N, C-alpha and C. Protein backbone atom coordinates (compact mmCIF):
# COMPACT_ATOMS: atom_id res chain seq x y z
N MET A 1 103.12 76.09 -70.74
CA MET A 1 104.30 75.29 -70.52
C MET A 1 104.20 74.70 -69.11
N TYR A 2 104.78 73.52 -68.97
CA TYR A 2 104.75 72.84 -67.69
C TYR A 2 106.15 72.47 -67.24
N VAL A 3 106.32 72.37 -65.94
CA VAL A 3 107.50 71.78 -65.34
C VAL A 3 107.00 70.46 -64.77
N GLU A 4 107.69 69.38 -65.11
CA GLU A 4 107.20 68.05 -64.75
C GLU A 4 108.29 67.19 -64.16
N ILE A 5 107.90 66.37 -63.20
CA ILE A 5 108.80 65.34 -62.68
C ILE A 5 108.20 63.99 -63.06
N HIS A 6 109.00 63.23 -63.78
CA HIS A 6 108.62 61.88 -64.20
C HIS A 6 109.53 60.91 -63.46
N ILE A 7 108.94 59.92 -62.85
CA ILE A 7 109.72 58.92 -62.12
C ILE A 7 109.75 57.63 -62.93
N GLN A 8 110.93 57.06 -63.04
CA GLN A 8 111.12 55.81 -63.75
C GLN A 8 111.80 54.83 -62.80
N ILE A 9 111.14 53.73 -62.51
CA ILE A 9 111.69 52.67 -61.67
C ILE A 9 111.65 51.40 -62.50
N GLY A 10 112.80 51.03 -63.04
CA GLY A 10 112.83 49.89 -63.95
C GLY A 10 111.98 50.20 -65.18
N TRP A 11 111.06 49.33 -65.50
CA TRP A 11 110.22 49.54 -66.68
C TRP A 11 108.93 50.30 -66.35
N ILE A 12 108.73 50.62 -65.09
CA ILE A 12 107.53 51.37 -64.67
C ILE A 12 107.87 52.86 -64.63
N GLY A 13 107.07 53.66 -65.31
CA GLY A 13 107.27 55.10 -65.30
C GLY A 13 105.95 55.82 -65.08
N PHE A 14 106.01 56.95 -64.40
CA PHE A 14 104.80 57.73 -64.14
C PHE A 14 105.16 59.18 -63.85
N THR A 15 104.19 60.04 -64.07
CA THR A 15 104.36 61.45 -63.73
C THR A 15 104.07 61.60 -62.26
N TRP A 16 105.02 62.20 -61.53
CA TRP A 16 104.84 62.39 -60.10
C TRP A 16 104.24 63.76 -59.81
N ASP A 17 104.69 64.78 -60.53
CA ASP A 17 104.21 66.14 -60.26
C ASP A 17 104.31 66.96 -61.54
N THR A 18 103.33 67.79 -61.76
CA THR A 18 103.32 68.72 -62.90
C THR A 18 102.81 70.06 -62.40
N ARG A 19 103.53 71.11 -62.76
CA ARG A 19 103.10 72.46 -62.37
C ARG A 19 103.12 73.38 -63.58
N LEU A 20 102.12 74.20 -63.65
CA LEU A 20 101.98 75.13 -64.76
C LEU A 20 102.97 76.29 -64.60
N TYR A 21 103.69 76.59 -65.67
CA TYR A 21 104.58 77.75 -65.69
C TYR A 21 103.94 78.82 -66.55
N LEU A 22 103.79 80.00 -65.99
CA LEU A 22 103.29 81.16 -66.73
C LEU A 22 104.35 82.24 -66.71
N ARG A 23 104.60 82.82 -67.86
CA ARG A 23 105.57 83.92 -67.92
C ARG A 23 105.08 85.08 -67.05
N GLU A 24 106.02 85.87 -66.58
CA GLU A 24 105.69 86.96 -65.65
C GLU A 24 104.69 87.93 -66.27
N CYS A 25 104.84 88.25 -67.55
CA CYS A 25 103.92 89.19 -68.21
C CYS A 25 102.51 88.62 -68.29
N ILE A 26 102.38 87.31 -68.42
CA ILE A 26 101.06 86.68 -68.45
C ILE A 26 100.41 86.74 -67.08
N VAL A 27 101.19 86.51 -66.03
CA VAL A 27 100.66 86.59 -64.66
C VAL A 27 100.16 88.01 -64.39
N ARG A 28 100.94 89.02 -64.80
CA ARG A 28 100.49 90.42 -64.60
C ARG A 28 99.19 90.68 -65.34
N LYS A 29 99.09 90.18 -66.57
CA LYS A 29 97.89 90.40 -67.37
C LYS A 29 96.68 89.71 -66.74
N LEU A 30 96.86 88.49 -66.26
CA LEU A 30 95.76 87.77 -65.62
C LEU A 30 95.33 88.41 -64.31
N ASN A 31 96.25 89.06 -63.62
CA ASN A 31 95.95 89.67 -62.33
C ASN A 31 95.25 91.03 -62.43
N ARG A 32 95.23 91.63 -63.60
CA ARG A 32 94.65 92.98 -63.74
C ARG A 32 93.22 93.07 -63.25
N HIS A 33 92.45 92.05 -63.46
CA HIS A 33 91.03 92.10 -63.11
C HIS A 33 90.69 91.23 -61.90
N ARG A 34 91.70 90.83 -61.18
CA ARG A 34 91.47 89.99 -59.99
C ARG A 34 91.56 90.83 -58.72
N GLN A 35 90.82 90.41 -57.74
CA GLN A 35 90.92 91.03 -56.42
C GLN A 35 92.29 90.65 -55.83
N PRO A 36 92.87 91.52 -55.00
CA PRO A 36 94.20 91.24 -54.43
C PRO A 36 94.31 89.86 -53.78
N GLU A 37 93.27 89.41 -53.10
CA GLU A 37 93.36 88.11 -52.42
C GLU A 37 93.27 86.93 -53.40
N ASN A 38 92.90 87.19 -54.65
CA ASN A 38 92.77 86.13 -55.65
C ASN A 38 93.86 86.18 -56.72
N ARG A 39 94.84 87.02 -56.52
CA ARG A 39 95.88 87.18 -57.54
C ARG A 39 96.81 85.98 -57.59
N LEU A 40 97.28 85.69 -58.79
CA LEU A 40 98.27 84.64 -59.01
C LEU A 40 99.64 85.16 -58.63
N HIS A 41 100.53 84.26 -58.25
CA HIS A 41 101.90 84.64 -57.93
C HIS A 41 102.82 84.06 -58.99
N TYR A 42 103.71 84.89 -59.50
CA TYR A 42 104.67 84.43 -60.50
C TYR A 42 105.68 83.49 -59.84
N ARG A 43 105.97 82.38 -60.50
CA ARG A 43 107.00 81.43 -60.07
C ARG A 43 107.87 81.12 -61.29
N SER A 44 109.15 81.30 -61.14
CA SER A 44 110.07 81.00 -62.24
C SER A 44 110.14 79.48 -62.43
N LYS A 45 110.65 79.06 -63.59
CA LYS A 45 110.83 77.62 -63.83
C LYS A 45 111.76 77.04 -62.77
N TYR A 46 112.79 77.80 -62.43
CA TYR A 46 113.72 77.35 -61.38
C TYR A 46 112.99 77.14 -60.06
N ALA A 47 112.18 78.12 -59.66
CA ALA A 47 111.47 78.02 -58.38
C ALA A 47 110.52 76.82 -58.37
N LEU A 48 109.82 76.59 -59.48
CA LEU A 48 108.92 75.44 -59.57
C LEU A 48 109.69 74.13 -59.46
N ALA A 49 110.75 74.00 -60.25
CA ALA A 49 111.54 72.76 -60.24
C ALA A 49 112.20 72.53 -58.89
N HIS A 50 112.74 73.59 -58.30
CA HIS A 50 113.39 73.49 -56.99
C HIS A 50 112.40 72.99 -55.94
N ALA A 51 111.21 73.57 -55.91
CA ALA A 51 110.19 73.17 -54.93
C ALA A 51 109.78 71.71 -55.16
N MET A 52 109.60 71.32 -56.40
CA MET A 52 109.18 69.96 -56.71
C MET A 52 110.25 68.94 -56.31
N LEU A 53 111.50 69.24 -56.64
CA LEU A 53 112.60 68.33 -56.30
C LEU A 53 112.82 68.24 -54.79
N THR A 54 112.66 69.36 -54.11
CA THR A 54 112.81 69.38 -52.66
C THR A 54 111.73 68.52 -52.00
N GLU A 55 110.49 68.65 -52.47
CA GLU A 55 109.40 67.83 -51.93
C GLU A 55 109.64 66.34 -52.22
N LEU A 56 110.08 66.04 -53.43
CA LEU A 56 110.34 64.65 -53.79
C LEU A 56 111.44 64.06 -52.91
N ALA A 57 112.48 64.83 -52.65
CA ALA A 57 113.62 64.34 -51.87
C ALA A 57 113.20 63.89 -50.48
N THR A 58 112.19 64.53 -49.90
CA THR A 58 111.75 64.15 -48.56
C THR A 58 111.05 62.79 -48.55
N MET A 59 110.60 62.32 -49.71
CA MET A 59 109.85 61.06 -49.79
C MET A 59 110.69 59.87 -50.25
N LEU A 60 111.90 60.13 -50.69
CA LEU A 60 112.76 59.05 -51.20
C LEU A 60 113.51 58.37 -50.06
N PRO A 61 113.70 57.07 -50.17
CA PRO A 61 114.51 56.39 -49.15
C PRO A 61 115.96 56.88 -49.22
N LYS A 62 116.62 56.91 -48.08
CA LYS A 62 118.03 57.32 -48.06
C LYS A 62 118.83 56.42 -48.97
N GLY A 63 119.78 57.03 -49.69
CA GLY A 63 120.64 56.27 -50.58
C GLY A 63 120.04 56.01 -51.95
N SER A 64 118.84 56.53 -52.22
CA SER A 64 118.23 56.33 -53.53
C SER A 64 119.07 57.01 -54.60
N GLN A 65 119.22 56.34 -55.73
CA GLN A 65 119.93 56.94 -56.85
C GLN A 65 118.93 57.82 -57.60
N VAL A 66 119.31 59.06 -57.82
CA VAL A 66 118.45 60.02 -58.52
C VAL A 66 119.21 60.52 -59.73
N VAL A 67 118.56 60.47 -60.88
CA VAL A 67 119.12 61.02 -62.10
C VAL A 67 118.17 62.13 -62.54
N VAL A 68 118.70 63.31 -62.74
CA VAL A 68 117.88 64.44 -63.18
C VAL A 68 118.18 64.67 -64.65
N LEU A 69 117.14 64.60 -65.46
CA LEU A 69 117.26 64.75 -66.90
C LEU A 69 116.67 66.09 -67.31
N PHE A 70 117.45 66.90 -68.00
CA PHE A 70 116.99 68.21 -68.45
C PHE A 70 116.70 68.15 -69.95
N ASP A 71 115.73 68.93 -70.40
CA ASP A 71 115.56 69.12 -71.83
C ASP A 71 116.79 69.85 -72.36
N SER A 72 117.12 69.61 -73.60
CA SER A 72 118.33 70.20 -74.17
C SER A 72 118.24 71.73 -74.27
N TRP A 73 117.05 72.29 -74.30
CA TRP A 73 116.90 73.74 -74.45
C TRP A 73 116.95 74.47 -73.12
N TYR A 74 116.91 73.75 -72.00
CA TYR A 74 116.85 74.41 -70.71
C TYR A 74 118.14 74.18 -69.93
N SER A 75 118.80 75.25 -69.59
CA SER A 75 120.02 75.10 -68.79
C SER A 75 120.13 76.24 -67.79
N SER A 76 119.53 76.04 -66.64
CA SER A 76 119.62 77.01 -65.56
C SER A 76 120.81 76.61 -64.68
N ALA A 77 121.81 77.46 -64.63
CA ALA A 77 123.01 77.16 -63.83
C ALA A 77 122.64 76.91 -62.37
N LYS A 78 121.69 77.69 -61.82
CA LYS A 78 121.27 77.52 -60.43
C LYS A 78 120.64 76.15 -60.21
N LEU A 79 119.78 75.74 -61.14
CA LEU A 79 119.11 74.45 -60.99
C LEU A 79 120.09 73.29 -61.18
N ILE A 80 120.98 73.42 -62.14
CA ILE A 80 121.98 72.39 -62.36
C ILE A 80 122.87 72.23 -61.13
N LYS A 81 123.28 73.35 -60.52
CA LYS A 81 124.10 73.29 -59.31
C LYS A 81 123.32 72.65 -58.16
N PHE A 82 122.06 73.05 -57.99
CA PHE A 82 121.22 72.48 -56.94
C PHE A 82 121.11 70.96 -57.10
N CYS A 83 120.85 70.52 -58.32
CA CYS A 83 120.70 69.08 -58.58
C CYS A 83 122.02 68.34 -58.38
N ALA A 84 123.10 68.93 -58.83
CA ALA A 84 124.41 68.29 -58.68
C ALA A 84 124.76 68.15 -57.19
N ASP A 85 124.44 69.17 -56.40
CA ASP A 85 124.71 69.12 -54.97
C ASP A 85 123.85 68.07 -54.26
N LYS A 86 122.60 67.94 -54.70
CA LYS A 86 121.66 67.03 -54.03
C LYS A 86 121.67 65.63 -54.62
N ALA A 87 121.56 65.54 -55.94
CA ALA A 87 121.42 64.23 -56.58
C ALA A 87 122.75 63.66 -57.01
N GLY A 88 123.64 64.51 -57.47
CA GLY A 88 124.95 64.05 -57.87
C GLY A 88 125.03 63.51 -59.28
N LYS A 89 123.91 63.27 -59.93
CA LYS A 89 123.95 62.72 -61.28
C LYS A 89 122.98 63.49 -62.16
N LEU A 90 123.52 64.09 -63.22
CA LEU A 90 122.71 64.90 -64.12
C LEU A 90 122.86 64.37 -65.53
N SER A 91 121.84 64.61 -66.34
CA SER A 91 121.89 64.22 -67.74
C SER A 91 121.12 65.22 -68.56
N ALA A 92 121.71 65.64 -69.66
CA ALA A 92 121.02 66.53 -70.59
C ALA A 92 121.18 65.96 -71.98
N PRO A 93 120.07 65.65 -72.64
CA PRO A 93 120.18 65.09 -73.98
C PRO A 93 120.76 66.10 -74.95
N SER A 94 121.42 65.60 -75.96
CA SER A 94 121.95 66.51 -76.97
C SER A 94 120.80 67.06 -77.78
N ASN A 95 121.01 68.21 -78.37
CA ASN A 95 119.99 68.84 -79.20
C ASN A 95 119.87 68.04 -80.49
N THR A 96 118.72 67.43 -80.71
CA THR A 96 118.54 66.57 -81.87
C THR A 96 117.92 67.29 -83.05
N THR A 97 117.68 68.60 -82.91
CA THR A 97 117.07 69.34 -84.00
C THR A 97 118.09 69.81 -85.02
N GLY A 98 119.36 69.64 -84.73
CA GLY A 98 120.39 70.05 -85.66
C GLY A 98 120.85 71.48 -85.45
N ASP A 99 120.32 72.16 -84.44
CA ASP A 99 120.71 73.55 -84.17
C ASP A 99 122.05 73.61 -83.48
């Protein structure tokens, strides 16, 4: 699974950043045979998204309008609050699977 930031400016769109998300149990399993200095560090989806959005914010011109779009299955209250405080505009598509 990936956490991704996609930027859309008018009709031009591109992926700005993508980071691999590994569940904590997978990170532990992968680290079993690694030397301590080569071990992977677990990062939650929130931590990945927060870091990516924070880095992006430093590169945007002041006053830029930012819309954060979440997948319908993901709703982290911490991330939503962070985005609302920083960007001010959030969007989450409705669940189209009928669930």
